[in-house]
Amino acid sequence: MLRSRKYVLDLSDLQYKQVRLPWKMKLFHFLLWFAGSLAVAFLYGAFISNIFGSPKEKILTQQIENLKLQYTLIGRELDNSLESLNSFRLSDDKRYRPILHMENVPETYRKAGFGGVDRYSDLTGYQNSDMLIEYKSKIDEIKSMSTVQKESFKTIAERSVEWKREIDHFPGISPVNVKFRLGDGYKWRAIHPVLGTARMHNGQDFEVPYGTEVYATGDGTIVESGWNSGGFGNCIVIDHSYGYQTVYGHLSDIKVSKGQNVKRGDLIGISGSTGLSSGPHLHYQVEQFGKHENPVNFFNNDVNVDEYNDMIQAFESRTKLR
């Protein structure tokens, strides 16, 4: 395609002659055209970008929306974590510690190292500073609560082991089958059946026939096994730790020896009528830190015979497994 040319009429010789512009004028026309093209292109691009947006902006906008969604989900997860920790704390304060007779964790300890005016100063000055500070605050709170709760559960676990041992050593069952009647209890007796004088009866008698099996009422160590010069005849004394001791008197036969460890429900002796006794029976005493206690307050006399036998068999099975 031929380039367009410009001609003018030369009146001197009446001929058309081609107009040739100086190179400076041609350069000026080119620059003017180029500047106009740039202006049109810029205006067109700005118009299209404002109406529809550029592909890069669309990608960035989508990424921003995805990040907002992720932040929202993270916020919910943080809230759920806080709720779970508060639930653990409630179980800690209302269930485990009261059962184990433990004091609650002080509030000052739970809040230690949390908060502070300038704690999040490095997060200020951004477009989403409020959100960043809120999430960082929740994360710090979760970390603090988790640390305290971990230590609390650790002490509870340690205490529960000791508590179970204490329960096992507690003299908490009847020393003989519950089918046998109770005799004289913990009281002042105006007339001793053998001595005939007034005397305190520091234990509980069980009206059992000669040859009745006698069981340890809690885990412990035999500290006395043999003849008792204080009137109990053949006698066994068990130290259960935690301040408890139990005494089993007037036995016809002893099945354990001094220093032996026994478990609740272990057969330790056979009832009889040795020592200061007017007839076959078992004398049973409970002492706590050297003070005589009423034995009937330490065992449940409401269980029936079958339940008691099942309980003894369960104790025996446990001992065999160990």
C-alpha atoms as a PDB file:
ATOM      1  CA  MET A   1       0.000   0.000   0.000  1.00  0.00           C
ATOM      2  CA  LEU A   2       1.459   3.344  -1.049  1.00  0.00           C
ATOM      3  CA  ARG A   3       1.967   5.957   1.530  1.00  0.00           C
ATOM      4  CA  SER A   4      -0.273   9.009   1.125  1.00  0.00           C
ATOM      5  CA  ARG A   5       1.498  11.971  -0.361  1.00  0.00           C
ATOM      6  CA  LYS A   6       0.598  15.666  -0.296  1.00  0.00           C
ATOM      7  CA  TYR A   7       0.771  17.894  -3.387  1.00  0.00           C
ATOM      8  CA  VAL A   8       0.265  21.631  -3.898  1.00  0.00           C
ATOM      9  CA  LEU A   9      -0.213  23.721  -7.120  1.00  0.00           C
ATOM     10  CA  ASP A  10       2.795  25.840  -8.043  1.00  0.00           C
ATOM     11  CA  LEU A  11       1.270  28.894  -9.722  1.00  0.00           C
ATOM     12  CA  SER A  12       4.591  29.962 -11.202  1.00  0.00           C
ATOM     13  CA  ASP A  13       4.667  27.113 -13.624  1.00  0.00           C
ATOM     14  CA  LEU A  14       1.172  25.755 -13.094  1.00  0.00           C
ATOM     15  CA  GLN A  15       2.374  22.347 -11.945  1.00  0.00           C
ATOM     16  CA  TYR A  16       1.564  20.177  -8.918  1.00  0.00           C
ATOM     17  CA  LYS A  17       4.572  19.602  -6.772  1.00  0.00           C
ATOM     18  CA  GLN A  18       5.022  17.197  -3.857  1.00  0.00           C
ATOM     19  CA  VAL A  19       5.246  18.827  -0.444  1.00  0.00           C
ATOM     20  CA  ARG A  20       8.261  17.633   1.499  1.00  0.00           C
ATOM     21  CA  LEU A  21       8.277  18.454   5.258  1.00  0.00           C
ATOM     22  CA  PRO A  22      11.515  19.157   7.092  1.00  0.00           C
ATOM     23  CA  TRP A  23      12.802  16.293   9.266  1.00  0.00           C
ATOM     24  CA  LYS A  24      12.152  18.315  12.424  1.00  0.00           C
ATOM     25  CA  MET A  25       8.502  18.693  11.467  1.00  0.00           C
ATOM     26  CA  LYS A  26       8.278  14.984  10.715  1.00  0.00           C
ATOM     27  CA  LEU A  27       9.751  14.173  14.134  1.00  0.00           C
ATOM     28  CA  PHE A  28       7.299  16.551  15.782  1.00  0.00           C
ATOM     29  CA  HIS A  29       4.345  14.904  14.005  1.00  0.00           C
ATOM     30  CA  PHE A  30       5.583  11.445  15.057  1.00  0.00           C
ATOM     31  CA  LEU A  31       6.006  12.451  18.681  1.00  0.00           C
ATOM     32  CA  LEU A  32       2.591  14.076  18.667  1.00  0.00           C
ATOM     33  CA  TRP A  33       1.046  10.915  17.263  1.00  0.00           C
ATOM     34  CA  PHE A  34       2.899   8.684  19.744  1.00  0.00           C
ATOM     35  CA  ALA A  35       1.836  10.827  22.719  1.00  0.00           C
ATOM     36  CA  GLY A  36      -1.755  10.753  21.560  1.00  0.00           C
ATOM     37  CA  SER A  37      -1.633   6.961  21.244  1.00  0.00           C
ATOM     38  CA  LEU A  38      -0.252   6.612  24.764  1.00  0.00           C
ATOM     39  CA  ALA A  39      -2.942   8.903  26.133  1.00  0.00           C
ATOM     40  CA  VAL A  40      -5.685   6.933  24.396  1.00  0.00           C
ATOM     41  CA  ALA A  41      -4.197   3.620  25.578  1.00  0.00           C
ATOM     42  CA  PHE A  42      -3.912   4.878  29.179  1.00  0.00           C
ATOM     43  CA  LEU A  43      -7.467   6.217  29.213  1.00  0.00           C
ATOM     44  CA  TYR A  44      -8.750   2.970  27.718  1.00  0.00           C
ATOM     45  CA  GLY A  45      -6.816   0.854  30.241  1.00  0.00           C
ATOM     46  CA  ALA A  46      -7.979   2.933  33.184  1.00  0.00           C
ATOM     47  CA  PHE A  47     -11.584   2.715  32.001  1.00  0.00           C
ATOM     48  CA  ILE A  48     -11.447  -1.059  31.533  1.00  0.00           C
ATOM     49  CA  SER A  49      -9.608  -1.537  34.866  1.00  0.00           C
ATOM     50  CA  ASN A  50     -12.153   0.522  36.784  1.00  0.00           C
ATOM     51  CA  ILE A  51     -15.072  -1.312  35.236  1.00  0.00           C
ATOM     52  CA  PHE A  52     -13.799  -4.883  35.126  1.00  0.00           C
ATOM     53  CA  GLY A  53     -10.457  -4.887  36.988  1.00  0.00           C
ATOM     54  CA  SER A  54      -7.227  -6.380  35.812  1.00  0.00           C
ATOM     55  CA  PRO A  55      -6.540 -10.160  35.942  1.00  0.00           C
ATOM     56  CA  LYS A  56      -3.818  -9.587  38.538  1.00  0.00           C
ATOM     57  CA  GLU A  57      -6.178  -7.566  40.695  1.00  0.00           C
ATOM     58  CA  LYS A  58      -8.795 -10.310  40.425  1.00  0.00           C
ATOM     59  CA  ILE A  59      -6.260 -12.890  41.609  1.00  0.00           C
ATOM     60  CA  LEU A  60      -5.147 -10.668  44.485  1.00  0.00           C
ATOM     61  CA  THR A  61      -8.760  -9.954  45.448  1.00  0.00           C
ATOM     62  CA  GLN A  62      -9.535 -13.674  45.514  1.00  0.00           C
ATOM     63  CA  GLN A  63      -6.449 -14.338  47.621  1.00  0.00           C
ATOM     64  CA  ILE A  64      -7.508 -11.656  50.080  1.00  0.00           C
ATOM     65  CA  GLU A  65     -10.978 -13.208  50.386  1.00  0.00           C
ATOM     66  CA  ASN A  66      -9.412 -16.640  50.961  1.00  0.00           C
ATOM     67  CA  LEU A  67      -7.170 -15.222  53.666  1.00  0.00           C
ATOM     68  CA  LYS A  68     -10.149 -13.572  55.372  1.00  0.00           C
ATOM     69  CA  LEU A  69     -11.971 -16.916  55.359  1.00  0.00           C
ATOM     70  CA  GLN A  70      -8.925 -18.671  56.787  1.00  0.00           C
ATOM     71  CA  TYR A  71      -8.567 -16.056  59.506  1.00  0.00           C
ATOM     72  CA  THR A  72     -12.243 -16.500  60.368  1.00  0.00           C
ATOM     73  CA  LEU A  73     -11.785 -20.263  60.649  1.00  0.00           C
ATOM     74  CA  ILE A  74      -8.662 -19.788  62.757  1.00  0.00           C
ATOM     75  CA  GLY A  75     -10.614 -17.479  65.049  1.00  0.00           C
ATOM     76  CA  ARG A  76     -13.295 -20.137  65.507  1.00  0.00           C
ATOM     77  CA  GLU A  77     -10.658 -22.782  66.252  1.00  0.00           C
ATOM     78  CA  LEU A  78      -9.116 -20.517  68.865  1.00  0.00           C
ATOM     79  CA  ASP A  79     -12.525 -19.960  70.467  1.00  0.00           C
ATOM     80  CA  ASN A  80     -13.158 -23.727  70.480  1.00  0.00           C
ATOM     81  CA  SER A  81      -9.779 -24.309  72.101  1.00  0.00           C
ATOM     82  CA  LEU A  82     -10.571 -21.768  74.807  1.00  0.00           C
ATOM     83  CA  GLU A  83     -13.923 -23.445  75.454  1.00  0.00           C
ATOM     84  CA  SER A  84     -12.230 -26.843  75.766  1.00  0.00           C
ATOM     85  CA  LEU A  85      -9.662 -25.476  78.205  1.00  0.00           C
ATOM     86  CA  ASN A  86     -12.421 -23.857  80.261  1.00  0.00           C
ATOM     87  CA  SER A  87     -14.213 -27.213  80.303  1.00  0.00           C
ATOM     88  CA  PHE A  88     -11.037 -28.900  81.571  1.00  0.00           C
ATOM     89  CA  ARG A  89     -10.713 -26.217  84.198  1.00  0.00           C
ATOM     90  CA  LEU A  90     -14.324 -26.770  85.323  1.00  0.00           C
ATOM     91  CA  SER A  91     -13.694 -30.516  85.661  1.00  0.00           C
ATOM     92  CA  ASP A  92     -10.494 -29.721  87.511  1.00  0.00           C
ATOM     93  CA  ASP A  93     -12.152 -27.379  90.037  1.00  0.00           C
ATOM     94  CA  LYS A  94     -15.542 -29.084  90.440  1.00  0.00           C
ATOM     95  CA  ARG A  95     -14.777 -32.804  90.065  1.00  0.00           C
ATOM     96  CA  TYR A  96     -11.244 -34.074  90.433  1.00  0.00           C
ATOM     97  CA  ARG A  97      -9.858 -31.772  93.103  1.00  0.00           C
ATOM     98  CA  PRO A  98     -12.891 -31.934  95.462  1.00  0.00           C
ATOM     99  CA  ILE A  99     -12.884 -35.752  95.253  1.00  0.00           C
ATOM    100  CA  LEU A 100      -9.176 -35.863  96.036  1.00  0.00           C
ATOM    101  CA  HIS A 101      -9.499 -33.191  98.758  1.00  0.00           C
ATOM    102  CA  MET A 102      -7.198 -30.810  96.878  1.00  0.00           C
ATOM    103  CA  GLU A 103      -7.347 -27.019  96.855  1.00  0.00           C
ATOM    104  CA  ASN A 104      -8.234 -25.335  93.561  1.00  0.00           C
ATOM    105  CA  VAL A 105      -5.497 -23.689  91.538  1.00  0.00           C
ATOM    106  CA  PRO A 106      -5.342 -20.002  92.621  1.00  0.00           C
ATOM    107  CA  GLU A 107      -6.693 -17.531  90.086  1.00  0.00           C
ATOM    108  CA  THR A 108      -3.522 -15.467  90.386  1.00  0.00           C
ATOM    109  CA  TYR A 109      -1.483 -18.468  89.239  1.00  0.00           C
ATOM    110  CA  ARG A 110      -3.785 -19.150  86.293  1.00  0.00           C
ATOM    111  CA  LYS A 111      -3.410 -15.518  85.129  1.00  0.00           C
ATOM    112  CA  ALA A 112       0.318 -15.232  85.813  1.00  0.00           C
ATOM    113  CA  GLY A 113       2.392 -13.900  82.905  1.00  0.00           C
ATOM    114  CA  PHE A 114      -0.639 -12.884  80.850  1.00  0.00           C
ATOM    115  CA  GLY A 115      -1.561  -9.384  79.686  1.00  0.00           C
ATOM    116  CA  GLY A 116       0.454  -6.157  79.670  1.00  0.00           C
ATOM    117  CA  VAL A 117      -0.017  -2.771  78.048  1.00  0.00           C
ATOM    118  CA  ASP A 118       2.872  -2.992  75.557  1.00  0.00           C
ATOM    119  CA  ARG A 119       2.662  -6.718  74.957  1.00  0.00           C
ATOM    120  CA  TYR A 120       1.427  -6.314  71.375  1.00  0.00           C
ATOM    121  CA  SER A 121       2.943  -2.967  70.436  1.00  0.00           C
ATOM    122  CA  ASP A 122       4.803  -4.603  67.526  1.00  0.00           C
ATOM    123  CA  LEU A 123       1.466  -5.478  65.913  1.00  0.00           C
ATOM    124  CA  THR A 124       0.063  -1.933  65.891  1.00  0.00           C
ATOM    125  CA  GLY A 125       0.000   0.333  62.849  1.00  0.00           C
ATOM    126  CA  TYR A 126      -1.243  -2.229  60.336  1.00  0.00           C
ATOM    127  CA  GLN A 127      -4.530  -2.266  58.446  1.00  0.00           C
ATOM    128  CA  ASN A 128      -5.728  -5.317  60.428  1.00  0.00           C
ATOM    129  CA  SER A 129      -3.938  -4.606  63.707  1.00  0.00           C
ATOM    130  CA  ASP A 130      -7.076  -5.153  65.808  1.00  0.00           C
ATOM    131  CA  MET A 131      -7.585  -8.624  64.369  1.00  0.00           C
ATOM    132  CA  LEU A 132      -3.905  -9.541  64.733  1.00  0.00           C
ATOM    133  CA  ILE A 133      -3.810  -8.392  68.354  1.00  0.00           C
ATOM    134  CA  GLU A 134      -7.046 -10.244  69.143  1.00  0.00           C
ATOM    135  CA  TYR A 135      -5.769 -13.533  67.688  1.00  0.00           C
ATOM    136  CA  LYS A 136      -2.320 -13.187  69.264  1.00  0.00           C
ATOM    137  CA  SER A 137      -3.979 -12.481  72.610  1.00  0.00           C
ATOM    138  CA  LYS A 138      -6.087 -15.619  72.325  1.00  0.00           C
ATOM    139  CA  ILE A 139      -3.049 -17.698  71.363  1.00  0.00           C
ATOM    140  CA  ASP A 140      -1.139 -16.417  74.405  1.00  0.00           C
ATOM    141  CA  GLU A 141      -4.128 -17.104  76.627  1.00  0.00           C
ATOM    142  CA  ILE A 142      -4.390 -20.666  75.284  1.00  0.00           C
ATOM    143  CA  LYS A 143      -0.671 -21.240  75.854  1.00  0.00           C
ATOM    144  CA  SER A 144      -0.891 -19.924  79.422  1.00  0.00           C
ATOM    145  CA  MET A 145      -4.025 -21.923  80.271  1.00  0.00           C
ATOM    146  CA  SER A 146      -2.601 -25.087  78.698  1.00  0.00           C
ATOM    147  CA  THR A 147       0.586 -24.848  80.728  1.00  0.00           C
ATOM    148  CA  VAL A 148      -1.277 -24.343  83.989  1.00  0.00           C
ATOM    149  CA  GLN A 149      -3.788 -27.092  83.198  1.00  0.00           C
ATOM    150  CA  LYS A 150      -1.035 -29.532  82.259  1.00  0.00           C
ATOM    151  CA  GLU A 151       0.674 -28.975  85.611  1.00  0.00           C
ATOM    152  CA  SER A 152      -2.656 -29.227  87.408  1.00  0.00           C
ATOM    153  CA  PHE A 153      -3.527 -32.557  85.787  1.00  0.00           C
ATOM    154  CA  LYS A 154      -0.031 -33.801  86.580  1.00  0.00           C
ATOM    155  CA  THR A 155      -0.495 -33.089  90.284  1.00  0.00           C
ATOM    156  CA  ILE A 156      -3.985 -34.631  90.147  1.00  0.00           C
ATOM    157  CA  ALA A 157      -2.579 -37.792  88.550  1.00  0.00           C
ATOM    158  CA  GLU A 158       0.102 -38.010  91.225  1.00  0.00           C
ATOM    159  CA  ARG A 159      -2.457 -37.403  93.953  1.00  0.00           C
ATOM    160  CA  SER A 160      -4.878 -39.953  92.462  1.00  0.00           C
ATOM    161  CA  VAL A 161      -2.211 -42.668  92.702  1.00  0.00           C
ATOM    162  CA  GLU A 162      -1.653 -41.831  96.358  1.00  0.00           C
ATOM    163  CA  TRP A 163      -5.398 -41.479  96.904  1.00  0.00           C
ATOM    164  CA  LYS A 164      -6.003 -44.970  95.484  1.00  0.00           C
ATOM    165  CA  ARG A 165      -3.299 -46.343  97.756  1.00  0.00           C
ATOM    166  CA  GLU A 166      -4.909 -44.571 100.707  1.00  0.00           C
ATOM    167  CA  ILE A 167      -8.324 -46.021  99.791  1.00  0.00           C
ATOM    168  CA  ASP A 168      -6.819 -49.518  99.517  1.00  0.00           C
ATOM    169  CA  HIS A 169      -5.221 -49.148 102.960  1.00  0.00           C
ATOM    170  CA  PHE A 170      -8.345 -47.741 104.587  1.00  0.00           C
ATOM    171  CA  PRO A 171      -9.943 -50.363 106.920  1.00  0.00           C
ATOM    172  CA  GLY A 172     -13.250 -50.310 105.105  1.00  0.00           C
ATOM    173  CA  ILE A 173     -14.893 -53.752 105.336  1.00  0.00           C
ATOM    174  CA  SER A 174     -16.165 -56.050 108.062  1.00  0.00           C
ATOM    175  CA  PRO A 175     -13.478 -58.447 109.342  1.00  0.00           C
ATOM    176  CA  VAL A 176     -15.913 -61.373 109.263  1.00  0.00           C
ATOM    177  CA  ASN A 177     -18.885 -62.407 107.186  1.00  0.00           C
ATOM    178  CA  VAL A 178     -21.803 -60.020 107.706  1.00  0.00           C
ATOM    179  CA  LYS A 179     -24.153 -62.927 108.441  1.00  0.00           C
ATOM    180  CA  PHE A 180     -22.796 -62.921 111.993  1.00  0.00           C
ATOM    181  CA  ARG A 181     -24.395 -60.650 114.545  1.00  0.00           C
ATOM    182  CA  LEU A 182     -22.659 -57.764 116.210  1.00  0.00           C
ATOM    183  CA  GLY A 183     -21.919 -58.124 119.907  1.00  0.00           C
ATOM    184  CA  ASP A 184     -20.872 -55.466 122.358  1.00  0.00           C
ATOM    185  CA  GLY A 185     -19.797 -52.290 120.642  1.00  0.00           C
ATOM    186  CA  TYR A 186     -17.665 -49.270 121.368  1.00  0.00           C
ATOM    187  CA  LYS A 187     -18.911 -48.183 124.799  1.00  0.00           C
ATOM    188  CA  TRP A 188     -18.318 -48.055 128.517  1.00  0.00           C
ATOM    189  CA  ARG A 189     -19.160 -51.417 130.079  1.00  0.00           C
ATOM    190  CA  ALA A 190     -20.268 -51.376 133.715  1.00  0.00           C
ATOM    191  CA  ILE A 191     -19.227 -55.017 134.137  1.00  0.00           C
ATOM    192  CA  HIS A 192     -16.514 -56.780 132.165  1.00  0.00           C
ATOM    193  CA  PRO A 193     -17.705 -60.336 131.357  1.00  0.00           C
ATOM    194  CA  VAL A 194     -14.477 -61.852 132.725  1.00  0.00           C
ATOM    195  CA  LEU A 195     -12.997 -59.301 135.121  1.00  0.00           C
ATOM    196  CA  GLY A 196     -16.377 -58.237 136.536  1.00  0.00           C
ATOM    197  CA  THR A 197     -15.300 -54.590 136.787  1.00  0.00           C
ATOM    198  CA  ALA A 198     -16.231 -51.433 134.909  1.00  0.00           C
ATOM    199  CA  ARG A 199     -14.101 -50.993 131.836  1.00  0.00           C
ATOM    200  CA  MET A 200     -14.138 -49.176 128.492  1.00  0.00           C
ATOM    201  CA  HIS A 201     -14.774 -51.454 125.535  1.00  0.00           C
ATOM    202  CA  ASN A 202     -12.664 -49.885 122.784  1.00  0.00           C
ATOM    203  CA  GLY A 203     -13.786 -52.041 119.891  1.00  0.00           C
ATOM    204  CA  GLN A 204     -16.588 -54.037 118.319  1.00  0.00           C
ATOM    205  CA  ASP A 205     -17.319 -57.678 119.139  1.00  0.00           C
ATOM    206  CA  PHE A 206     -18.656 -60.089 116.525  1.00  0.00           C
ATOM    207  CA  GLU A 207     -20.658 -63.085 117.757  1.00  0.00           C
ATOM    208  CA  VAL A 208     -18.939 -65.681 115.608  1.00  0.00           C
ATOM    209  CA  PRO A 209     -18.558 -69.401 116.342  1.00  0.00           C
ATOM    210  CA  TYR A 210     -15.198 -70.984 116.925  1.00  0.00           C
ATOM    211  CA  GLY A 211     -13.269 -71.427 113.648  1.00  0.00           C
ATOM    212  CA  THR A 212     -14.719 -68.477 111.721  1.00  0.00           C
ATOM    213  CA  GLU A 213     -12.427 -66.966 109.080  1.00  0.00           C
ATOM    214  CA  VAL A 214     -11.128 -63.467 109.849  1.00  0.00           C
ATOM    215  CA  TYR A 215     -10.037 -61.117 107.039  1.00  0.00           C
ATOM    216  CA  ALA A 216      -7.824 -58.047 106.824  1.00  0.00           C
ATOM    217  CA  THR A 217     -10.031 -54.998 106.483  1.00  0.00           C
ATOM    218  CA  GLY A 218      -7.484 -53.003 104.462  1.00  0.00           C
ATOM    219  CA  ASP A 219      -4.007 -53.209 102.944  1.00  0.00           C
ATOM    220  CA  GLY A 220      -1.196 -52.947 105.441  1.00  0.00           C
ATOM    221  CA  THR A 221       1.701 -54.550 107.292  1.00  0.00           C
ATOM    222  CA  ILE A 222       1.450 -56.968 110.202  1.00  0.00           C
ATOM    223  CA  VAL A 223       3.115 -55.258 113.185  1.00  0.00           C
ATOM    224  CA  GLU A 224       1.975 -57.723 115.854  1.00  0.00           C
ATOM    225  CA  SER A 225       1.235 -61.423 115.469  1.00  0.00           C
ATOM    226  CA  GLY A 226       1.063 -63.716 118.483  1.00  0.00           C
ATOM    227  CA  TRP A 227       0.077 -63.763 122.108  1.00  0.00           C
ATOM    228  CA  ASN A 228      -1.072 -60.454 123.585  1.00  0.00           C
ATOM    229  CA  SER A 229      -0.528 -59.975 127.314  1.00  0.00           C
ATOM    230  CA  GLY A 230      -3.179 -57.253 127.450  1.00  0.00           C
ATOM    231  CA  GLY A 231      -6.029 -59.771 127.385  1.00  0.00           C
ATOM    232  CA  PHE A 232      -6.580 -60.260 123.639  1.00  0.00           C
ATOM    233  CA  GLY A 233      -4.953 -63.710 123.603  1.00  0.00           C
ATOM    234  CA  ASN A 234      -3.843 -64.642 120.141  1.00  0.00           C
ATOM    235  CA  CYS A 235      -3.883 -61.267 118.474  1.00  0.00           C
ATOM    236  CA  ILE A 236      -3.022 -59.567 115.170  1.00  0.00           C
ATOM    237  CA  VAL A 237      -2.331 -55.864 114.700  1.00  0.00           C
ATOM    238  CA  ILE A 238      -2.167 -54.374 111.193  1.00  0.00           C
ATOM    239  CA  ASP A 239      -0.620 -50.992 110.424  1.00  0.00           C
ATOM    240  CA  HIS A 240      -2.498 -49.553 107.431  1.00  0.00           C
ATOM    241  CA  SER A 241      -0.424 -46.356 107.214  1.00  0.00           C
ATOM    242  CA  TYR A 242      -2.114 -42.927 107.114  1.00  0.00           C
ATOM    243  CA  GLY A 243      -2.488 -43.187 110.906  1.00  0.00           C
ATOM    244  CA  TYR A 244      -4.717 -46.304 110.927  1.00  0.00           C
ATOM    245  CA  GLN A 245      -4.206 -49.540 112.856  1.00  0.00           C
ATOM    246  CA  THR A 246      -6.623 -52.429 113.357  1.00  0.00           C
ATOM    247  CA  VAL A 247      -6.626 -55.076 116.100  1.00  0.00           C
ATOM    248  CA  TYR A 248      -8.056 -58.617 115.847  1.00  0.00           C
ATOM    249  CA  GLY A 249      -8.293 -60.388 119.222  1.00  0.00           C
ATOM    250  CA  HIS A 250      -9.149 -63.743 120.830  1.00  0.00           C
ATOM    251  CA  LEU A 251      -8.099 -65.765 117.776  1.00  0.00           C
ATOM    252  CA  SER A 252      -7.655 -69.523 117.867  1.00  0.00           C
ATOM    253  CA  ASP A 253      -5.189 -69.553 114.975  1.00  0.00           C
ATOM    254  CA  ILE A 254      -3.008 -66.976 113.247  1.00  0.00           C
ATOM    255  CA  LYS A 255      -2.288 -67.239 109.504  1.00  0.00           C
ATOM    256  CA  VAL A 256       0.189 -64.351 109.133  1.00  0.00           C
ATOM    257  CA  SER A 257       3.505 -63.369 110.647  1.00  0.00           C
ATOM    258  CA  LYS A 258       5.004 -60.087 111.822  1.00  0.00           C
ATOM    259  CA  GLY A 259       6.380 -57.929 108.979  1.00  0.00           C
ATOM    260  CA  GLN A 260       4.157 -59.567 106.344  1.00  0.00           C
ATOM    261  CA  ASN A 261       2.259 -57.327 103.911  1.00  0.00           C
ATOM    262  CA  VAL A 262      -1.412 -58.131 103.448  1.00  0.00           C
ATOM    263  CA  LYS A 263      -4.209 -56.958 101.168  1.00  0.00           C
ATOM    264  CA  ARG A 264      -7.795 -56.180 102.004  1.00  0.00           C
ATOM    265  CA  GLY A 265      -9.734 -59.458 102.068  1.00  0.00           C
ATOM    266  CA  ASP A 266      -6.712 -61.645 102.867  1.00  0.00           C
ATOM    267  CA  LEU A 267      -7.346 -64.442 105.377  1.00  0.00           C
ATOM    268  CA  ILE A 268      -5.297 -63.562 108.461  1.00  0.00           C
ATOM    269  CA  GLY A 269      -6.688 -65.735 111.252  1.00  0.00           C
ATOM    270  CA  ILE A 270      -9.365 -67.968 112.718  1.00  0.00           C
ATOM    271  CA  SER A 271     -11.688 -66.841 115.503  1.00  0.00           C
ATOM    272  CA  GLY A 272     -11.580 -68.428 118.942  1.00  0.00           C
ATOM    273  CA  SER A 273     -11.786 -67.562 122.616  1.00  0.00           C
ATOM    274  CA  THR A 274      -8.219 -66.981 123.794  1.00  0.00           C
ATOM    275  CA  GLY A 275      -7.194 -64.397 126.382  1.00  0.00           C
ATOM    276  CA  LEU A 276      -9.781 -62.649 128.565  1.00  0.00           C
ATOM    277  CA  SER A 277     -12.813 -64.058 126.782  1.00  0.00           C
ATOM    278  CA  SER A 278     -16.054 -65.532 128.077  1.00  0.00           C
ATOM    279  CA  GLY A 279     -16.786 -67.400 124.826  1.00  0.00           C
ATOM    280  CA  PRO A 280     -15.987 -67.617 121.115  1.00  0.00           C
ATOM    281  CA  HIS A 281     -16.075 -64.214 119.416  1.00  0.00           C
ATOM    282  CA  LEU A 282     -13.889 -61.735 117.554  1.00  0.00           C
ATOM    283  CA  HIS A 283     -12.820 -58.482 119.128  1.00  0.00           C
ATOM    284  CA  TYR A 284     -12.063 -55.855 116.474  1.00  0.00           C
ATOM    285  CA  GLN A 285     -10.541 -52.407 117.086  1.00  0.00           C
ATOM    286  CA  VAL A 286      -9.777 -49.419 114.868  1.00  0.00           C
ATOM    287  CA  GLU A 287      -7.255 -46.796 115.950  1.00  0.00           C
ATOM    288  CA  GLN A 288      -6.532 -43.541 114.124  1.00  0.00           C
ATOM    289  CA  PHE A 289      -3.336 -41.747 115.140  1.00  0.00           C
ATOM    290  CA  GLY A 290      -3.396 -43.693 118.419  1.00  0.00           C
ATOM    291  CA  LYS A 291      -6.981 -42.783 119.245  1.00  0.00           C
ATOM    292  CA  HIS A 292      -9.674 -45.452 119.498  1.00  0.00           C
ATOM    293  CA  GLU A 293     -12.502 -45.046 116.987  1.00  0.00           C
ATOM    294  CA  ASN A 294     -15.878 -46.768 116.720  1.00  0.00           C
ATOM    295  CA  PRO A 295     -15.340 -49.601 114.184  1.00  0.00           C
ATOM    296  CA  VAL A 296     -18.946 -49.551 112.935  1.00  0.00           C
ATOM    297  CA  ASN A 297     -18.219 -46.184 111.332  1.00  0.00           C
ATOM    298  CA  PHE A 298     -15.610 -47.793 109.079  1.00  0.00           C
ATOM    299  CA  PHE A 299     -17.534 -50.526 107.282  1.00  0.00           C
ATOM    300  CA  ASN A 300     -20.879 -50.917 105.559  1.00  0.00           C
ATOM    301  CA  ASN A 301     -23.065 -53.359 107.453  1.00  0.00           C
ATOM    302  CA  ASP A 302     -25.876 -53.116 104.888  1.00  0.00           C
ATOM    303  CA  VAL A 303     -24.383 -55.552 102.368  1.00  0.00           C
ATOM    304  CA  ASN A 304     -25.935 -58.996 102.303  1.00  0.00           C
ATOM    305  CA  VAL A 305     -24.107 -62.296 102.706  1.00  0.00           C
ATOM    306  CA  ASP A 306     -23.797 -62.981  98.984  1.00  0.00           C
ATOM    307  CA  GLU A 307     -22.465 -59.487  98.320  1.00  0.00           C
ATOM    308  CA  TYR A 308     -19.901 -59.868 101.080  1.00  0.00           C
ATOM    309  CA  ASN A 309     -18.754 -63.253  99.756  1.00  0.00           C
ATOM    310  CA  ASP A 310     -18.470 -61.846  96.218  1.00  0.00           C
ATOM    311  CA  MET A 311     -16.427 -58.962  97.597  1.00  0.00           C
ATOM    312  CA  ILE A 312     -14.011 -61.285  99.418  1.00  0.00           C
ATOM    313  CA  GLN A 313     -13.623 -63.436  96.285  1.00  0.00           C
ATOM    314  CA  ALA A 314     -12.890 -60.322  94.243  1.00  0.00           C
ATOM    315  CA  PHE A 315     -10.214 -59.276  96.730  1.00  0.00           C
ATOM    316  CA  GLU A 316      -8.679 -62.755  96.649  1.00  0.00           C
ATOM    317  CA  SER A 317      -8.620 -62.726  92.846  1.00  0.00           C
ATOM    318  CA  ARG A 318      -6.902 -59.356  92.839  1.00  0.00           C
ATOM    319  CA  THR A 319      -4.261 -60.632  95.225  1.00  0.00           C
ATOM    320  CA  LYS A 320      -3.601 -63.696  93.048  1.00  0.00           C
ATOM    321  CA  LEU A 321      -3.240 -61.538  89.945  1.00  0.00           C
ATOM    322  CA  ARG A 322      -0.631 -59.433  91.641  1.00  0.00           C
END
